[in-house]
Amino acid sequence: MTVGLEHYLVVSALLFCLGLLGVIVRRNLLVIYMSLELMLNAANLALVAFSRFTNNLDGQVFVFFTITVAAAEVSVGLALIVALYRKRQTAHVEDLTTLKL
């Protein structure tokens, strides 16, 4: 049995759906943030799979830059979450609906 493009796309779709479910169901900021990153990685997996099976490196180069930007996004996002936690002493979304000082 050979692993084809369909297998990669199914795994990518499952990862994306799992991330979407985490964003919709969970109420903790860290879990939501990790679910968003999971969705981004699912899209990256699909891009790499398409790039590999079309013998074109453009998708892999795009994923390289996407991962680089995601690393910067993680540092800024986690800093914001830590700042909100220090200010409000909670990481639940429903407690942060009003961000008045």
N, C-alpha and C. Protein backbone atom coordinates (compact mmCIF):
# COMPACT_ATOMS: atom_id res chain seq x y z
N MET A 1 0.85 -1.18 0.00
CA MET A 1 0.00 0.00 0.00
C MET A 1 0.89 1.24 0.00
N THR A 2 0.63 2.13 -0.90
CA THR A 2 1.39 3.38 -0.94
C THR A 2 0.55 4.50 -0.35
N VAL A 3 1.25 5.42 0.25
CA VAL A 3 0.59 6.58 0.85
C VAL A 3 0.42 7.62 -0.23
N GLY A 4 -0.81 7.96 -0.53
CA GLY A 4 -1.09 8.92 -1.59
C GLY A 4 -1.50 10.28 -1.04
N LEU A 5 -1.82 11.14 -1.96
CA LEU A 5 -2.23 12.49 -1.61
C LEU A 5 -3.50 12.48 -0.77
N GLU A 6 -4.39 11.56 -1.06
CA GLU A 6 -5.65 11.50 -0.32
C GLU A 6 -5.43 11.24 1.16
N HIS A 7 -4.45 10.41 1.48
CA HIS A 7 -4.16 10.11 2.89
C HIS A 7 -3.71 11.36 3.63
N TYR A 8 -2.83 12.12 3.02
CA TYR A 8 -2.35 13.35 3.64
C TYR A 8 -3.48 14.36 3.82
N LEU A 9 -4.35 14.45 2.82
CA LEU A 9 -5.45 15.40 2.91
C LEU A 9 -6.48 14.98 3.96
N VAL A 10 -6.68 13.68 4.12
CA VAL A 10 -7.60 13.22 5.17
C VAL A 10 -7.03 13.54 6.54
N VAL A 11 -5.73 13.29 6.75
CA VAL A 11 -5.10 13.63 8.03
C VAL A 11 -5.16 15.14 8.27
N SER A 12 -4.91 15.91 7.22
CA SER A 12 -4.98 17.37 7.35
C SER A 12 -6.39 17.82 7.70
N ALA A 13 -7.40 17.25 7.07
CA ALA A 13 -8.78 17.62 7.37
C ALA A 13 -9.16 17.23 8.79
N LEU A 14 -8.71 16.05 9.25
CA LEU A 14 -8.99 15.63 10.62
C LEU A 14 -8.33 16.55 11.63
N LEU A 15 -7.08 16.93 11.38
CA LEU A 15 -6.40 17.87 12.28
C LEU A 15 -7.10 19.22 12.30
N PHE A 16 -7.53 19.68 11.13
CA PHE A 16 -8.22 20.96 11.07
C PHE A 16 -9.55 20.91 11.83
N CYS A 17 -10.29 19.82 11.65
CA CYS A 17 -11.57 19.68 12.36
C CYS A 17 -11.36 19.56 13.86
N LEU A 18 -10.31 18.87 14.28
CA LEU A 18 -10.00 18.77 15.70
C LEU A 18 -9.65 20.14 16.28
N GLY A 19 -8.90 20.93 15.53
CA GLY A 19 -8.59 22.29 15.97
C GLY A 19 -9.82 23.17 16.02
N LEU A 20 -10.68 23.05 15.03
CA LEU A 20 -11.92 23.83 15.01
C LEU A 20 -12.82 23.45 16.17
N LEU A 21 -12.88 22.17 16.46
CA LEU A 21 -13.67 21.72 17.61
C LEU A 21 -13.11 22.28 18.91
N GLY A 22 -11.79 22.34 19.02
CA GLY A 22 -11.17 22.92 20.21
C GLY A 22 -11.46 24.40 20.36
N VAL A 23 -11.51 25.11 19.26
CA VAL A 23 -11.82 26.55 19.31
C VAL A 23 -13.28 26.77 19.71
N ILE A 24 -14.16 25.95 19.17
CA ILE A 24 -15.59 26.14 19.43
C ILE A 24 -15.98 25.69 20.84
N VAL A 25 -15.47 24.56 21.29
CA VAL A 25 -15.94 23.96 22.53
C VAL A 25 -15.23 24.52 23.76
N ARG A 26 -13.94 24.72 23.71
CA ARG A 26 -13.18 25.09 24.89
C ARG A 26 -13.33 26.58 25.21
N ARG A 27 -13.11 26.91 26.47
CA ARG A 27 -13.23 28.28 26.93
C ARG A 27 -11.95 28.82 27.56
N ASN A 28 -10.89 28.04 27.55
CA ASN A 28 -9.62 28.48 28.09
C ASN A 28 -8.79 29.10 26.95
N LEU A 29 -8.19 30.24 27.20
CA LEU A 29 -7.44 30.93 26.15
C LEU A 29 -6.27 30.11 25.63
N LEU A 30 -5.57 29.40 26.49
CA LEU A 30 -4.43 28.61 26.04
C LEU A 30 -4.88 27.45 25.15
N VAL A 31 -5.96 26.81 25.49
CA VAL A 31 -6.46 25.70 24.68
C VAL A 31 -6.95 26.22 23.33
N ILE A 32 -7.62 27.35 23.32
CA ILE A 32 -8.06 27.96 22.07
C ILE A 32 -6.87 28.32 21.20
N TYR A 33 -5.85 28.85 21.82
CA TYR A 33 -4.64 29.24 21.09
C TYR A 33 -3.94 28.02 20.49
N MET A 34 -3.85 26.95 21.27
CA MET A 34 -3.24 25.72 20.75
C MET A 34 -4.09 25.12 19.63
N SER A 35 -5.40 25.25 19.72
CA SER A 35 -6.28 24.75 18.67
C SER A 35 -6.10 25.55 17.38
N LEU A 36 -5.92 26.85 17.51
CA LEU A 36 -5.65 27.67 16.32
C LEU A 36 -4.34 27.28 15.66
N GLU A 37 -3.33 26.99 16.47
CA GLU A 37 -2.05 26.55 15.92
C GLU A 37 -2.19 25.19 15.24
N LEU A 38 -3.02 24.32 15.78
CA LEU A 38 -3.28 23.03 15.17
C LEU A 38 -3.94 23.20 13.80
N MET A 39 -4.85 24.14 13.70
CA MET A 39 -5.50 24.43 12.42
C MET A 39 -4.49 24.96 11.42
N LEU A 40 -3.58 25.81 11.86
CA LEU A 40 -2.55 26.34 10.98
C LEU A 40 -1.62 25.23 10.49
N ASN A 41 -1.27 24.32 11.38
CA ASN A 41 -0.40 23.21 10.98
C ASN A 41 -1.12 22.25 10.04
N ALA A 42 -2.42 22.09 10.18
CA ALA A 42 -3.18 21.27 9.24
C ALA A 42 -3.15 21.88 7.85
N ALA A 43 -3.28 23.18 7.77
CA ALA A 43 -3.18 23.85 6.47
C ALA A 43 -1.78 23.71 5.89
N ASN A 44 -0.77 23.80 6.74
CA ASN A 44 0.62 23.61 6.28
C ASN A 44 0.83 22.20 5.75
N LEU A 45 0.26 21.21 6.42
CA LEU A 45 0.38 19.83 5.96
C LEU A 45 -0.25 19.66 4.58
N ALA A 46 -1.40 20.26 4.36
CA ALA A 46 -2.04 20.18 3.05
C ALA A 46 -1.19 20.86 1.98
N LEU A 47 -0.60 21.99 2.31
CA LEU A 47 0.26 22.68 1.34
C LEU A 47 1.48 21.85 0.98
N VAL A 48 2.11 21.24 1.98
CA VAL A 48 3.28 20.41 1.71
C VAL A 48 2.89 19.18 0.90
N ALA A 49 1.74 18.59 1.20
CA ALA A 49 1.29 17.42 0.44
C ALA A 49 1.05 17.78 -1.02
N PHE A 50 0.36 18.87 -1.27
CA PHE A 50 0.13 19.29 -2.65
C PHE A 50 1.45 19.60 -3.35
N SER A 51 2.35 20.25 -2.64
CA SER A 51 3.65 20.59 -3.21
C SER A 51 4.44 19.34 -3.55
N ARG A 52 4.40 18.36 -2.69
CA ARG A 52 5.15 17.12 -2.91
C ARG A 52 4.60 16.34 -4.09
N PHE A 53 3.29 16.26 -4.18
CA PHE A 53 2.70 15.42 -5.21
C PHE A 53 2.61 16.11 -6.57
N THR A 54 2.87 17.41 -6.64
CA THR A 54 2.94 18.10 -7.93
C THR A 54 4.38 18.38 -8.33
N ASN A 55 5.33 17.93 -7.50
CA ASN A 55 6.77 18.15 -7.76
C ASN A 55 7.10 19.62 -7.95
N ASN A 56 6.50 20.45 -7.12
CA ASN A 56 6.72 21.89 -7.17
C ASN A 56 7.08 22.33 -5.75
N LEU A 57 8.17 23.05 -5.59
CA LEU A 57 8.64 23.42 -4.26
C LEU A 57 8.02 24.72 -3.73
N ASP A 58 7.15 25.35 -4.49
CA ASP A 58 6.57 26.62 -4.05
C ASP A 58 5.77 26.47 -2.77
N GLY A 59 5.01 25.40 -2.63
CA GLY A 59 4.22 25.18 -1.43
C GLY A 59 5.09 24.97 -0.21
N GLN A 60 6.20 24.25 -0.36
CA GLN A 60 7.09 24.01 0.76
C GLN A 60 7.80 25.28 1.20
N VAL A 61 8.16 26.12 0.26
CA VAL A 61 8.77 27.41 0.59
C VAL A 61 7.76 28.30 1.32
N PHE A 62 6.51 28.27 0.85
CA PHE A 62 5.46 29.05 1.51
C PHE A 62 5.24 28.57 2.94
N VAL A 63 5.27 27.26 3.15
CA VAL A 63 5.11 26.70 4.50
C VAL A 63 6.28 27.10 5.38
N PHE A 64 7.47 27.15 4.85
CA PHE A 64 8.64 27.58 5.62
C PHE A 64 8.43 29.00 6.15
N PHE A 65 7.97 29.90 5.31
CA PHE A 65 7.72 31.27 5.76
C PHE A 65 6.52 31.34 6.71
N THR A 66 5.53 30.51 6.49
CA THR A 66 4.37 30.47 7.38
C THR A 66 4.77 30.02 8.79
N ILE A 67 5.63 29.02 8.88
CA ILE A 67 6.09 28.54 10.18
C ILE A 67 6.93 29.61 10.86
N THR A 68 7.71 30.35 10.10
CA THR A 68 8.51 31.44 10.67
C THR A 68 7.61 32.53 11.26
N VAL A 69 6.59 32.90 10.52
CA VAL A 69 5.65 33.91 11.02
C VAL A 69 4.86 33.37 12.21
N ALA A 70 4.52 32.09 12.19
CA ALA A 70 3.78 31.49 13.30
C ALA A 70 4.61 31.48 14.58
N ALA A 71 5.91 31.31 14.46
CA ALA A 71 6.77 31.35 15.65
C ALA A 71 6.73 32.74 16.29
N ALA A 72 6.76 33.77 15.48
CA ALA A 72 6.66 35.13 16.02
C ALA A 72 5.27 35.36 16.61
N GLU A 73 4.26 34.83 15.96
CA GLU A 73 2.89 34.97 16.46
C GLU A 73 2.72 34.29 17.81
N VAL A 74 3.34 33.15 17.99
CA VAL A 74 3.24 32.43 19.26
C VAL A 74 3.83 33.25 20.39
N SER A 75 4.97 33.86 20.15
CA SER A 75 5.59 34.65 21.22
C SER A 75 4.73 35.85 21.59
N VAL A 76 4.17 36.54 20.62
CA VAL A 76 3.32 37.69 20.90
C VAL A 76 2.01 37.24 21.54
N GLY A 77 1.42 36.18 21.02
CA GLY A 77 0.16 35.69 21.57
C GLY A 77 0.29 35.21 23.00
N LEU A 78 1.34 34.47 23.29
CA LEU A 78 1.54 34.01 24.66
C LEU A 78 1.83 35.17 25.61
N ALA A 79 2.54 36.17 25.13
CA ALA A 79 2.78 37.35 25.96
C ALA A 79 1.47 38.06 26.29
N LEU A 80 0.57 38.16 25.32
CA LEU A 80 -0.73 38.77 25.58
C LEU A 80 -1.57 37.95 26.56
N ILE A 81 -1.53 36.64 26.40
CA ILE A 81 -2.28 35.78 27.32
C ILE A 81 -1.74 35.89 28.73
N VAL A 82 -0.42 35.92 28.89
CA VAL A 82 0.19 36.06 30.21
C VAL A 82 -0.16 37.41 30.81
N ALA A 83 -0.14 38.45 30.00
CA ALA A 83 -0.50 39.79 30.50
C ALA A 83 -1.96 39.84 30.95
N LEU A 84 -2.86 39.23 30.17
CA LEU A 84 -4.26 39.18 30.57
C LEU A 84 -4.46 38.36 31.84
N TYR A 85 -3.71 37.26 31.96
CA TYR A 85 -3.83 36.44 33.15
C TYR A 85 -3.34 37.20 34.39
N ARG A 86 -2.26 37.92 34.25
CA ARG A 86 -1.75 38.70 35.38
C ARG A 86 -2.70 39.81 35.78
N LYS A 87 -3.38 40.38 34.82
CA LYS A 87 -4.30 41.48 35.09
C LYS A 87 -5.60 40.98 35.70
N ARG A 88 -6.17 39.89 35.15
CA ARG A 88 -7.49 39.42 35.55
C ARG A 88 -7.49 38.16 36.42
N GLN A 89 -6.34 37.48 36.55
CA GLN A 89 -6.21 36.24 37.31
C GLN A 89 -7.11 35.11 36.78
N THR A 90 -7.38 35.14 35.50
CA THR A 90 -8.16 34.07 34.87
C THR A 90 -7.77 33.97 33.40
N ALA A 91 -7.97 32.78 32.86
CA ALA A 91 -7.69 32.56 31.44
C ALA A 91 -8.94 32.07 30.72
N HIS A 92 -10.10 32.25 31.32
CA HIS A 92 -11.35 31.83 30.69
C HIS A 92 -11.91 32.97 29.85
N VAL A 93 -12.42 32.61 28.70
CA VAL A 93 -12.88 33.62 27.73
C VAL A 93 -14.08 34.40 28.26
N GLU A 94 -15.01 33.71 28.90
CA GLU A 94 -16.22 34.42 29.37
C GLU A 94 -15.91 35.44 30.44
N ASP A 95 -14.80 35.29 31.15
CA ASP A 95 -14.41 36.28 32.17
C ASP A 95 -13.72 37.49 31.54
N LEU A 96 -13.34 37.38 30.29
CA LEU A 96 -12.62 38.47 29.62
C LEU A 96 -13.47 39.16 28.56
N THR A 97 -14.77 39.12 28.71
CA THR A 97 -15.63 39.72 27.69
C THR A 97 -15.54 41.24 27.69
N THR A 98 -15.36 41.83 28.85
CA THR A 98 -15.16 43.28 28.92
C THR A 98 -13.72 43.52 29.34
N LEU A 99 -13.00 44.27 28.55
CA LEU A 99 -11.60 44.51 28.82
C LEU A 99 -11.38 45.94 29.31
N LYS A 100 -12.31 46.45 30.07
CA LYS A 100 -12.14 47.78 30.64
C LYS A 100 -11.15 47.70 31.78
N LEU A 101 -10.39 48.75 31.96
CA LEU A 101 -9.42 48.79 33.05
C LEU A 101 -10.12 49.21 34.28
